[in-house]
Amino acid sequence: MEISCCLCLEGTRIILEDDSGGEDEGSNYKCCQGDVHVKRACFYVAISALIVCLFSTVCMLFGVYTVNLWLDIFLIIINTVVAIIMMFGLYYDKAALLVPFIISEITQCVLFFILANYVLYYTIVIKRQRFYQKFDQMLMVISIYLGIIVCIGAIWAATKCYHYLRQKAEGLYPDTGGRCMWE
């Protein structure tokens, strides 16, 4: 797969290659039912994180934010920075640069899980709320749980890519593909 970058650097291309396949040592570094190499999946995770940050920023410009304005700004900045760091880690094959993304996502999953459980408890215990208020809160809880499931998938892909890059750097795994290089 080849992506041409026409806006920032004329003539710059990003080439993503998967493993050649087969039953070699690299076959356990595949995901999506063995169709995608973990390095490519991690690249997709980083791109999707940047798209979500862009979408959240546009929503904030229209006055739509989730819990707290400053918390949302903080999360957008953190998620953007760790996604960019992860892309550098993929480009330079540095496993350590994937660790900030993994840590921030685990932390966010735990905190959002606590938030969802608190809102669920509040919705069930407080009886003076109207039906539409309880309905809105239940929709929020369900969306948080779904977001946590998606986030766990991203953590899994990034962790598997971390192990791949670490083993590749230690020389335990030969370089047979899964490269992300800029020409």
N, C-alpha and C. Protein backbone atom coordinates (compact mmCIF):
# COMPACT_ATOMS: atom_id res chain seq x y z
N MET A 1 0.85 -1.17 0.00
CA MET A 1 0.00 0.00 0.00
C MET A 1 0.89 1.22 0.00
N GLU A 2 0.56 2.17 -0.82
CA GLU A 2 1.37 3.37 -0.93
C GLU A 2 0.47 4.59 -0.75
N ILE A 3 0.92 5.53 0.06
CA ILE A 3 0.18 6.76 0.31
C ILE A 3 1.06 7.91 -0.14
N SER A 4 0.56 8.74 -1.02
CA SER A 4 1.33 9.91 -1.45
C SER A 4 0.90 11.11 -0.63
N CYS A 5 1.85 11.89 -0.25
CA CYS A 5 1.58 13.07 0.55
C CYS A 5 1.68 14.28 -0.38
N CYS A 6 0.54 14.87 -0.72
CA CYS A 6 0.55 15.95 -1.70
C CYS A 6 0.50 17.33 -1.05
N LEU A 7 0.15 17.41 0.22
CA LEU A 7 -0.03 18.72 0.85
C LEU A 7 1.26 19.26 1.46
N CYS A 8 1.96 18.43 2.22
CA CYS A 8 3.06 18.97 3.01
C CYS A 8 4.40 18.89 2.28
N LEU A 9 4.77 17.75 1.74
CA LEU A 9 6.06 17.61 1.08
C LEU A 9 5.82 16.98 -0.29
N GLU A 10 6.01 17.73 -1.31
CA GLU A 10 5.78 17.24 -2.67
C GLU A 10 6.75 16.11 -2.97
N GLY A 11 6.23 15.03 -3.48
CA GLY A 11 7.05 13.90 -3.86
C GLY A 11 7.34 12.94 -2.72
N THR A 12 6.80 13.17 -1.54
CA THR A 12 7.03 12.29 -0.40
C THR A 12 6.00 11.18 -0.44
N ARG A 13 6.46 9.96 -0.22
CA ARG A 13 5.56 8.81 -0.21
C ARG A 13 5.80 8.00 1.06
N ILE A 14 4.74 7.43 1.55
CA ILE A 14 4.82 6.51 2.67
C ILE A 14 4.47 5.14 2.12
N ILE A 15 5.37 4.18 2.28
CA ILE A 15 5.13 2.84 1.78
C ILE A 15 4.98 1.91 2.96
N LEU A 16 3.87 1.20 2.99
CA LEU A 16 3.61 0.23 4.04
C LEU A 16 3.63 -1.15 3.42
N GLU A 17 4.45 -2.03 3.96
CA GLU A 17 4.55 -3.40 3.45
C GLU A 17 4.28 -4.37 4.59
N ASP A 18 3.55 -5.42 4.27
CA ASP A 18 3.31 -6.48 5.23
C ASP A 18 4.36 -7.56 5.10
N ASP A 19 4.34 -8.49 6.06
CA ASP A 19 5.20 -9.67 5.95
C ASP A 19 4.84 -10.44 4.70
N SER A 20 5.78 -11.24 4.23
CA SER A 20 5.53 -12.04 3.05
C SER A 20 4.60 -13.20 3.34
N GLY A 21 4.27 -13.43 4.59
CA GLY A 21 3.34 -14.49 4.96
C GLY A 21 4.08 -15.77 5.27
N GLY A 22 3.33 -16.86 5.31
CA GLY A 22 3.95 -18.15 5.59
C GLY A 22 3.93 -18.46 7.07
N GLU A 23 4.44 -19.61 7.39
CA GLU A 23 4.46 -20.07 8.78
C GLU A 23 5.81 -19.82 9.41
N ASP A 24 6.33 -18.64 9.29
CA ASP A 24 7.60 -18.31 9.92
C ASP A 24 7.36 -17.71 11.29
N GLU A 25 8.42 -17.21 11.89
CA GLU A 25 8.30 -16.62 13.23
C GLU A 25 7.39 -15.40 13.24
N GLY A 26 7.26 -14.72 12.12
CA GLY A 26 6.47 -13.50 12.07
C GLY A 26 4.99 -13.72 11.93
N SER A 27 4.56 -14.96 11.75
CA SER A 27 3.13 -15.20 11.56
C SER A 27 2.33 -14.91 12.82
N ASN A 28 2.97 -14.92 13.99
CA ASN A 28 2.24 -14.58 15.21
C ASN A 28 2.17 -13.07 15.41
N TYR A 29 2.76 -12.29 14.52
CA TYR A 29 2.67 -10.84 14.59
C TYR A 29 1.69 -10.32 13.56
N LYS A 30 0.57 -10.98 13.47
CA LYS A 30 -0.51 -10.57 12.60
C LYS A 30 -1.74 -10.36 13.46
N CYS A 31 -2.64 -9.54 12.99
CA CYS A 31 -3.91 -9.37 13.67
C CYS A 31 -5.01 -9.25 12.62
N CYS A 32 -6.21 -9.00 13.03
CA CYS A 32 -7.37 -8.95 12.13
C CYS A 32 -7.49 -10.27 11.38
N GLN A 33 -7.49 -11.36 12.11
CA GLN A 33 -7.59 -12.73 11.59
C GLN A 33 -6.44 -13.07 10.67
N GLY A 34 -5.27 -12.57 10.97
CA GLY A 34 -4.07 -12.90 10.21
C GLY A 34 -3.90 -12.14 8.92
N ASP A 35 -4.69 -11.09 8.70
CA ASP A 35 -4.63 -10.34 7.45
C ASP A 35 -3.69 -9.15 7.50
N VAL A 36 -3.46 -8.60 8.66
CA VAL A 36 -2.70 -7.35 8.78
C VAL A 36 -1.54 -7.55 9.75
N HIS A 37 -0.38 -7.06 9.37
CA HIS A 37 0.77 -7.09 10.26
C HIS A 37 0.53 -6.09 11.39
N VAL A 38 1.05 -6.40 12.57
CA VAL A 38 0.78 -5.55 13.73
C VAL A 38 1.34 -4.14 13.56
N LYS A 39 2.38 -4.00 12.78
CA LYS A 39 2.95 -2.66 12.57
C LYS A 39 1.98 -1.80 11.75
N ARG A 40 1.37 -2.40 10.76
CA ARG A 40 0.37 -1.67 9.97
C ARG A 40 -0.86 -1.37 10.82
N ALA A 41 -1.28 -2.34 11.62
CA ALA A 41 -2.44 -2.13 12.50
C ALA A 41 -2.16 -1.00 13.48
N CYS A 42 -0.95 -0.95 14.00
CA CYS A 42 -0.56 0.11 14.93
C CYS A 42 -0.56 1.47 14.22
N PHE A 43 -0.13 1.48 12.96
CA PHE A 43 -0.18 2.71 12.17
C PHE A 43 -1.62 3.17 12.00
N TYR A 44 -2.53 2.23 11.73
CA TYR A 44 -3.95 2.57 11.61
C TYR A 44 -4.52 3.10 12.93
N VAL A 45 -4.06 2.53 14.03
CA VAL A 45 -4.50 3.00 15.35
C VAL A 45 -4.05 4.45 15.56
N ALA A 46 -2.81 4.75 15.20
CA ALA A 46 -2.29 6.12 15.36
C ALA A 46 -3.07 7.10 14.48
N ILE A 47 -3.33 6.72 13.23
CA ILE A 47 -4.09 7.59 12.34
C ILE A 47 -5.50 7.79 12.86
N SER A 48 -6.15 6.73 13.33
CA SER A 48 -7.51 6.89 13.85
C SER A 48 -7.53 7.73 15.12
N ALA A 49 -6.49 7.64 15.95
CA ALA A 49 -6.42 8.48 17.14
C ALA A 49 -6.30 9.96 16.75
N LEU A 50 -5.51 10.23 15.72
CA LEU A 50 -5.38 11.62 15.25
C LEU A 50 -6.69 12.12 14.64
N ILE A 51 -7.42 11.25 13.94
CA ILE A 51 -8.71 11.65 13.37
C ILE A 51 -9.72 11.94 14.47
N VAL A 52 -9.73 11.11 15.52
CA VAL A 52 -10.63 11.35 16.65
C VAL A 52 -10.28 12.66 17.34
N CYS A 53 -9.00 12.95 17.49
CA CYS A 53 -8.58 14.22 18.10
C CYS A 53 -9.03 15.41 17.25
N LEU A 54 -8.89 15.28 15.94
CA LEU A 54 -9.35 16.35 15.05
C LEU A 54 -10.85 16.54 15.14
N PHE A 55 -11.60 15.43 15.16
CA PHE A 55 -13.06 15.51 15.29
C PHE A 55 -13.45 16.15 16.62
N SER A 56 -12.78 15.77 17.70
CA SER A 56 -13.08 16.35 19.02
C SER A 56 -12.78 17.85 19.05
N THR A 57 -11.70 18.24 18.37
CA THR A 57 -11.36 19.67 18.31
C THR A 57 -12.40 20.45 17.54
N VAL A 58 -12.87 19.91 16.42
CA VAL A 58 -13.92 20.58 15.64
C VAL A 58 -15.20 20.68 16.46
N CYS A 59 -15.55 19.62 17.17
CA CYS A 59 -16.75 19.65 18.02
C CYS A 59 -16.63 20.71 19.11
N MET A 60 -15.43 20.84 19.68
CA MET A 60 -15.24 21.85 20.72
C MET A 60 -15.37 23.27 20.15
N LEU A 61 -14.97 23.45 18.90
CA LEU A 61 -15.13 24.77 18.28
C LEU A 61 -16.60 25.16 18.16
N PHE A 62 -17.48 24.16 18.07
CA PHE A 62 -18.92 24.41 18.02
C PHE A 62 -19.57 24.35 19.39
N GLY A 63 -18.77 24.25 20.44
CA GLY A 63 -19.29 24.28 21.80
C GLY A 63 -19.73 22.93 22.34
N VAL A 64 -19.37 21.85 21.68
CA VAL A 64 -19.76 20.52 22.13
C VAL A 64 -18.55 19.85 22.77
N TYR A 65 -18.67 19.54 24.03
CA TYR A 65 -17.62 18.81 24.73
C TYR A 65 -18.28 17.86 25.72
N THR A 66 -17.50 16.94 26.26
CA THR A 66 -18.10 15.87 27.06
C THR A 66 -18.31 16.28 28.51
N VAL A 67 -17.34 16.06 29.34
CA VAL A 67 -17.52 16.26 30.78
C VAL A 67 -17.11 17.65 31.22
N ASN A 68 -15.94 18.05 30.83
CA ASN A 68 -15.38 19.32 31.26
C ASN A 68 -14.53 19.86 30.11
N LEU A 69 -14.63 21.14 29.83
CA LEU A 69 -13.91 21.74 28.71
C LEU A 69 -12.40 21.56 28.85
N TRP A 70 -11.85 21.85 30.02
CA TRP A 70 -10.40 21.77 30.20
C TRP A 70 -9.92 20.32 30.20
N LEU A 71 -10.74 19.42 30.71
CA LEU A 71 -10.39 18.00 30.65
C LEU A 71 -10.34 17.52 29.19
N ASP A 72 -11.30 17.95 28.40
CA ASP A 72 -11.31 17.58 26.98
C ASP A 72 -10.10 18.15 26.24
N ILE A 73 -9.76 19.38 26.53
CA ILE A 73 -8.57 19.99 25.89
C ILE A 73 -7.32 19.20 26.28
N PHE A 74 -7.21 18.86 27.56
CA PHE A 74 -6.07 18.08 28.04
C PHE A 74 -5.99 16.72 27.35
N LEU A 75 -7.13 16.03 27.23
CA LEU A 75 -7.15 14.71 26.60
C LEU A 75 -6.82 14.79 25.11
N ILE A 76 -7.30 15.83 24.44
CA ILE A 76 -6.98 15.99 23.02
C ILE A 76 -5.48 16.20 22.82
N ILE A 77 -4.89 17.05 23.66
CA ILE A 77 -3.45 17.31 23.54
C ILE A 77 -2.65 16.05 23.84
N ILE A 78 -2.98 15.35 24.92
CA ILE A 78 -2.27 14.13 25.29
C ILE A 78 -2.40 13.08 24.19
N ASN A 79 -3.62 12.86 23.71
CA ASN A 79 -3.83 11.83 22.69
C ASN A 79 -3.13 12.17 21.38
N THR A 80 -3.10 13.44 21.02
CA THR A 80 -2.39 13.85 19.80
C THR A 80 -0.89 13.62 19.95
N VAL A 81 -0.34 14.02 21.09
CA VAL A 81 1.10 13.88 21.30
C VAL A 81 1.51 12.40 21.31
N VAL A 82 0.77 11.56 22.02
CA VAL A 82 1.18 10.15 22.09
C VAL A 82 0.96 9.43 20.75
N ALA A 83 -0.03 9.85 19.97
CA ALA A 83 -0.22 9.24 18.64
C ALA A 83 0.92 9.63 17.71
N ILE A 84 1.37 10.87 17.79
CA ILE A 84 2.51 11.31 16.96
C ILE A 84 3.80 10.61 17.41
N ILE A 85 3.98 10.47 18.71
CA ILE A 85 5.14 9.75 19.22
C ILE A 85 5.11 8.29 18.74
N MET A 86 3.93 7.70 18.74
CA MET A 86 3.81 6.32 18.27
C MET A 86 4.15 6.22 16.79
N MET A 87 3.77 7.20 15.99
CA MET A 87 4.10 7.17 14.57
C MET A 87 5.62 7.28 14.37
N PHE A 88 6.28 8.10 15.17
CA PHE A 88 7.74 8.16 15.12
C PHE A 88 8.36 6.82 15.51
N GLY A 89 7.78 6.17 16.52
CA GLY A 89 8.27 4.86 16.93
C GLY A 89 8.13 3.83 15.83
N LEU A 90 7.04 3.90 15.09
CA LEU A 90 6.86 2.98 13.97
C LEU A 90 7.83 3.29 12.85
N TYR A 91 8.06 4.56 12.60
CA TYR A 91 8.96 4.96 11.52
C TYR A 91 10.40 4.55 11.81
N TYR A 92 10.84 4.77 13.04
CA TYR A 92 12.23 4.48 13.41
C TYR A 92 12.41 3.10 14.04
N ASP A 93 11.35 2.29 14.10
CA ASP A 93 11.40 0.96 14.71
C ASP A 93 11.89 1.01 16.15
N LYS A 94 11.37 1.95 16.93
CA LYS A 94 11.73 2.09 18.34
C LYS A 94 10.53 1.67 19.20
N ALA A 95 10.67 0.55 19.85
CA ALA A 95 9.57 0.02 20.66
C ALA A 95 9.24 0.93 21.84
N ALA A 96 10.25 1.59 22.39
CA ALA A 96 10.03 2.44 23.56
C ALA A 96 9.10 3.61 23.27
N LEU A 97 9.01 4.03 22.01
CA LEU A 97 8.14 5.15 21.67
C LEU A 97 6.67 4.76 21.60
N LEU A 98 6.36 3.48 21.70
CA LEU A 98 4.97 3.03 21.75
C LEU A 98 4.44 2.99 23.18
N VAL A 99 5.34 3.00 24.16
CA VAL A 99 4.95 2.89 25.56
C VAL A 99 4.07 4.06 26.03
N PRO A 100 4.35 5.33 25.67
CA PRO A 100 3.45 6.40 26.13
C PRO A 100 2.01 6.21 25.66
N PHE A 101 1.82 5.72 24.44
CA PHE A 101 0.47 5.48 23.94
C PHE A 101 -0.21 4.39 24.76
N ILE A 102 0.50 3.31 25.01
CA ILE A 102 -0.08 2.19 25.76
C ILE A 102 -0.46 2.62 27.17
N ILE A 103 0.43 3.36 27.84
CA ILE A 103 0.15 3.82 29.20
C ILE A 103 -1.02 4.79 29.24
N SER A 104 -1.04 5.75 28.31
CA SER A 104 -2.14 6.73 28.32
C SER A 104 -3.47 6.07 28.01
N GLU A 105 -3.48 5.09 27.12
CA GLU A 105 -4.75 4.43 26.80
C GLU A 105 -5.24 3.57 27.95
N ILE A 106 -4.34 2.87 28.62
CA ILE A 106 -4.74 2.08 29.79
C ILE A 106 -5.29 2.99 30.88
N THR A 107 -4.62 4.10 31.11
CA THR A 107 -5.08 5.05 32.12
C THR A 107 -6.45 5.60 31.77
N GLN A 108 -6.65 5.97 30.52
CA GLN A 108 -7.95 6.50 30.11
C GLN A 108 -9.04 5.44 30.21
N CYS A 109 -8.72 4.19 29.88
CA CYS A 109 -9.71 3.12 30.01
C CYS A 109 -10.15 2.95 31.47
N VAL A 110 -9.19 2.94 32.35
CA VAL A 110 -9.51 2.78 33.77
C VAL A 110 -10.36 3.94 34.28
N LEU A 111 -9.96 5.17 33.95
CA LEU A 111 -10.70 6.34 34.43
C LEU A 111 -12.10 6.42 33.82
N PHE A 112 -12.23 6.10 32.55
CA PHE A 112 -13.56 6.12 31.94
C PHE A 112 -14.43 4.97 32.44
N PHE A 113 -13.83 3.84 32.81
CA PHE A 113 -14.58 2.75 33.41
C PHE A 113 -15.14 3.18 34.76
N ILE A 114 -14.31 3.86 35.55
CA ILE A 114 -14.78 4.38 36.85
C ILE A 114 -15.90 5.39 36.63
N LEU A 115 -15.74 6.29 35.65
CA LEU A 115 -16.77 7.28 35.36
C LEU A 115 -18.08 6.60 34.94
N ALA A 116 -18.00 5.62 34.08
CA ALA A 116 -19.21 4.94 33.61
C ALA A 116 -19.92 4.22 34.76
N ASN A 117 -19.16 3.59 35.62
CA ASN A 117 -19.78 2.91 36.76
C ASN A 117 -20.40 3.90 37.74
N TYR A 118 -19.76 5.05 37.93
CA TYR A 118 -20.33 6.08 38.80
C TYR A 118 -21.65 6.60 38.23
N VAL A 119 -21.65 6.89 36.93
CA VAL A 119 -22.88 7.39 36.30
C VAL A 119 -23.98 6.33 36.34
N LEU A 120 -23.62 5.08 36.14
CA LEU A 120 -24.60 4.00 36.21
C LEU A 120 -25.18 3.88 37.62
N TYR A 121 -24.34 3.96 38.63
CA TYR A 121 -24.81 3.94 40.01
C TYR A 121 -25.72 5.14 40.29
N TYR A 122 -25.30 6.31 39.85
CA TYR A 122 -26.07 7.54 40.06
C TYR A 122 -27.44 7.43 39.38
N THR A 123 -27.47 6.87 38.19
CA THR A 123 -28.71 6.75 37.43
C THR A 123 -29.67 5.78 38.11
N ILE A 124 -29.15 4.72 38.67
CA ILE A 124 -30.01 3.73 39.31
C ILE A 124 -30.50 4.20 40.67
N VAL A 125 -29.63 4.85 41.46
CA VAL A 125 -29.96 5.20 42.84
C VAL A 125 -30.84 6.44 42.93
N ILE A 126 -30.56 7.48 42.16
CA ILE A 126 -31.31 8.74 42.25
C ILE A 126 -32.66 8.55 41.56
N LYS A 127 -33.73 8.70 42.33
CA LYS A 127 -35.08 8.44 41.82
C LYS A 127 -35.78 9.69 41.31
N ARG A 128 -35.28 10.86 41.59
CA ARG A 128 -36.00 12.09 41.23
C ARG A 128 -35.70 12.56 39.81
N GLN A 129 -35.02 11.77 39.04
CA GLN A 129 -34.72 12.15 37.66
C GLN A 129 -35.88 11.77 36.75
N ARG A 130 -35.99 12.54 35.68
CA ARG A 130 -37.00 12.23 34.68
C ARG A 130 -36.49 11.12 33.77
N PHE A 131 -37.40 10.56 32.99
CA PHE A 131 -37.06 9.44 32.12
C PHE A 131 -36.00 9.83 31.09
N TYR A 132 -36.14 11.01 30.46
CA TYR A 132 -35.19 11.40 29.42
C TYR A 132 -33.79 11.63 30.00
N GLN A 133 -33.71 12.08 31.28
CA GLN A 133 -32.40 12.24 31.91
C GLN A 133 -31.74 10.88 32.14
N LYS A 134 -32.52 9.92 32.63
CA LYS A 134 -31.97 8.58 32.84
C LYS A 134 -31.59 7.93 31.50
N PHE A 135 -32.40 8.16 30.48
CA PHE A 135 -32.12 7.61 29.16
C PHE A 135 -30.81 8.18 28.61
N ASP A 136 -30.62 9.50 28.73
CA ASP A 136 -29.37 10.12 28.28
C ASP A 136 -28.16 9.56 29.02
N GLN A 137 -28.31 9.39 30.32
CA GLN A 137 -27.19 8.86 31.10
C GLN A 137 -26.89 7.41 30.73
N MET A 138 -27.91 6.63 30.47
CA MET A 138 -27.68 5.24 30.06
C MET A 138 -27.01 5.18 28.69
N LEU A 139 -27.39 6.07 27.78
CA LEU A 139 -26.71 6.13 26.48
C LEU A 139 -25.24 6.49 26.65
N MET A 140 -24.96 7.41 27.57
CA MET A 140 -23.58 7.79 27.82
C MET A 140 -22.79 6.60 28.39
N VAL A 141 -23.38 5.86 29.30
CA VAL A 141 -22.70 4.71 29.90
C VAL A 141 -22.41 3.66 28.82
N ILE A 142 -23.38 3.39 27.97
CA ILE A 142 -23.19 2.40 26.91
C ILE A 142 -22.10 2.86 25.94
N SER A 143 -22.10 4.15 25.59
CA SER A 143 -21.07 4.64 24.67
C SER A 143 -19.68 4.59 25.30
N ILE A 144 -19.60 4.83 26.60
CA ILE A 144 -18.30 4.73 27.28
C ILE A 144 -17.81 3.29 27.27
N TYR A 145 -18.70 2.34 27.56
CA TYR A 145 -18.30 0.93 27.53
C TYR A 145 -17.87 0.50 26.13
N LEU A 146 -18.57 0.94 25.10
CA LEU A 146 -18.17 0.62 23.73
C LEU A 146 -16.82 1.24 23.39
N GLY A 147 -16.59 2.48 23.84
CA GLY A 147 -15.30 3.13 23.64
C GLY A 147 -14.17 2.39 24.33
N ILE A 148 -14.44 1.85 25.51
CA ILE A 148 -13.44 1.08 26.23
C ILE A 148 -13.09 -0.19 25.46
N ILE A 149 -14.08 -0.84 24.87
CA ILE A 149 -13.82 -2.05 24.08
C ILE A 149 -12.95 -1.73 22.87
N VAL A 150 -13.24 -0.63 22.18
CA VAL A 150 -12.41 -0.22 21.04
C VAL A 150 -11.00 0.13 21.51
N CYS A 151 -10.90 0.80 22.63
CA CYS A 151 -9.60 1.18 23.19
C CYS A 151 -8.77 -0.05 23.57
N ILE A 152 -9.41 -1.08 24.08
CA ILE A 152 -8.70 -2.31 24.42
C ILE A 152 -8.12 -2.95 23.16
N GLY A 153 -8.85 -2.89 22.06
CA GLY A 153 -8.31 -3.39 20.79
C GLY A 153 -7.08 -2.61 20.35
N ALA A 154 -7.11 -1.30 20.52
CA ALA A 154 -5.96 -0.46 20.16
C ALA A 154 -4.77 -0.76 21.07
N ILE A 155 -5.03 -0.96 22.35
CA ILE A 155 -3.95 -1.31 23.28
C ILE A 155 -3.34 -2.65 22.91
N TRP A 156 -4.19 -3.60 22.55
CA TRP A 156 -3.70 -4.92 22.17
C TRP A 156 -2.79 -4.85 20.95
N ALA A 157 -3.21 -4.09 19.92
CA ALA A 157 -2.40 -3.96 18.70
C ALA A 157 -1.08 -3.25 19.00
N ALA A 158 -1.13 -2.19 19.80
CA ALA A 158 0.10 -1.46 20.13
C ALA A 158 1.04 -2.30 20.97
N THR A 159 0.51 -3.08 21.89
CA THR A 159 1.35 -3.94 22.72
C THR A 159 2.00 -5.04 21.89
N LYS A 160 1.24 -5.62 20.99
CA LYS A 160 1.80 -6.66 20.12
C LYS A 160 2.87 -6.08 19.21
N CYS A 161 2.66 -4.87 18.71
CA CYS A 161 3.66 -4.20 17.89
C CYS A 161 4.89 -3.85 18.72
N TYR A 162 4.69 -3.46 19.96
CA TYR A 162 5.82 -3.19 20.87
C TYR A 162 6.69 -4.42 21.00
N HIS A 163 6.08 -5.59 21.22
CA HIS A 163 6.86 -6.82 21.36
C HIS A 163 7.56 -7.18 20.05
N TYR A 164 6.89 -6.95 18.93
CA TYR A 164 7.51 -7.21 17.63
C TYR A 164 8.75 -6.33 17.44
N LEU A 165 8.62 -5.03 17.70
CA LEU A 165 9.75 -4.12 17.51
C LEU A 165 10.88 -4.40 18.49
N ARG A 166 10.52 -4.77 19.71
CA ARG A 166 11.54 -5.09 20.70
C ARG A 166 12.32 -6.34 20.30
N GLN A 167 11.62 -7.36 19.87
CA GLN A 167 12.31 -8.59 19.44
C GLN A 167 13.12 -8.35 18.17
N LYS A 168 12.62 -7.51 17.30
CA LYS A 168 13.36 -7.19 16.08
C LYS A 168 14.64 -6.44 16.42
N ALA A 169 14.58 -5.53 17.38
CA ALA A 169 15.77 -4.77 17.78
C ALA A 169 16.79 -5.66 18.50
N GLU A 170 16.32 -6.66 19.22
CA GLU A 170 17.22 -7.57 19.91
C GLU A 170 17.80 -8.62 18.97
N GLY A 171 17.33 -8.64 17.74
CA GLY A 171 17.82 -9.61 16.78
C GLY A 171 17.18 -10.97 16.90
N LEU A 172 16.13 -11.09 17.72
CA LEU A 172 15.44 -12.36 17.88
C LEU A 172 14.50 -12.65 16.71
N TYR A 173 14.14 -11.60 16.01
CA TYR A 173 13.19 -11.74 14.91
C TYR A 173 13.79 -11.07 13.68
N PRO A 174 14.00 -11.80 12.60
CA PRO A 174 14.60 -11.20 11.41
C PRO A 174 13.66 -10.21 10.75
N ASP A 175 14.22 -9.24 10.08
CA ASP A 175 13.44 -8.22 9.40
C ASP A 175 12.95 -8.77 8.07
N THR A 176 11.71 -9.28 8.08
CA THR A 176 11.14 -9.83 6.86
C THR A 176 10.01 -8.98 6.33
N GLY A 177 9.84 -7.80 6.83
CA GLY A 177 8.75 -6.95 6.34
C GLY A 177 8.15 -6.17 7.47
N GLY A 178 6.90 -5.77 7.26
CA GLY A 178 6.23 -4.96 8.25
C GLY A 178 6.87 -3.60 8.39
N ARG A 179 7.48 -3.13 7.31
CA ARG A 179 8.21 -1.86 7.37
C ARG A 179 7.27 -0.70 7.08
N CYS A 180 7.65 0.41 7.62
CA CYS A 180 6.99 1.68 7.32
C CYS A 180 8.11 2.64 7.02
N MET A 181 8.31 2.95 5.74
CA MET A 181 9.45 3.81 5.41
C MET A 181 9.00 4.94 4.52
N TRP A 182 9.68 6.04 4.63
CA TRP A 182 9.37 7.23 3.83
C TRP A 182 10.44 7.34 2.77
N GLU A 183 10.05 7.65 1.57
CA GLU A 183 11.02 7.85 0.50
C GLU A 183 11.03 9.29 0.09
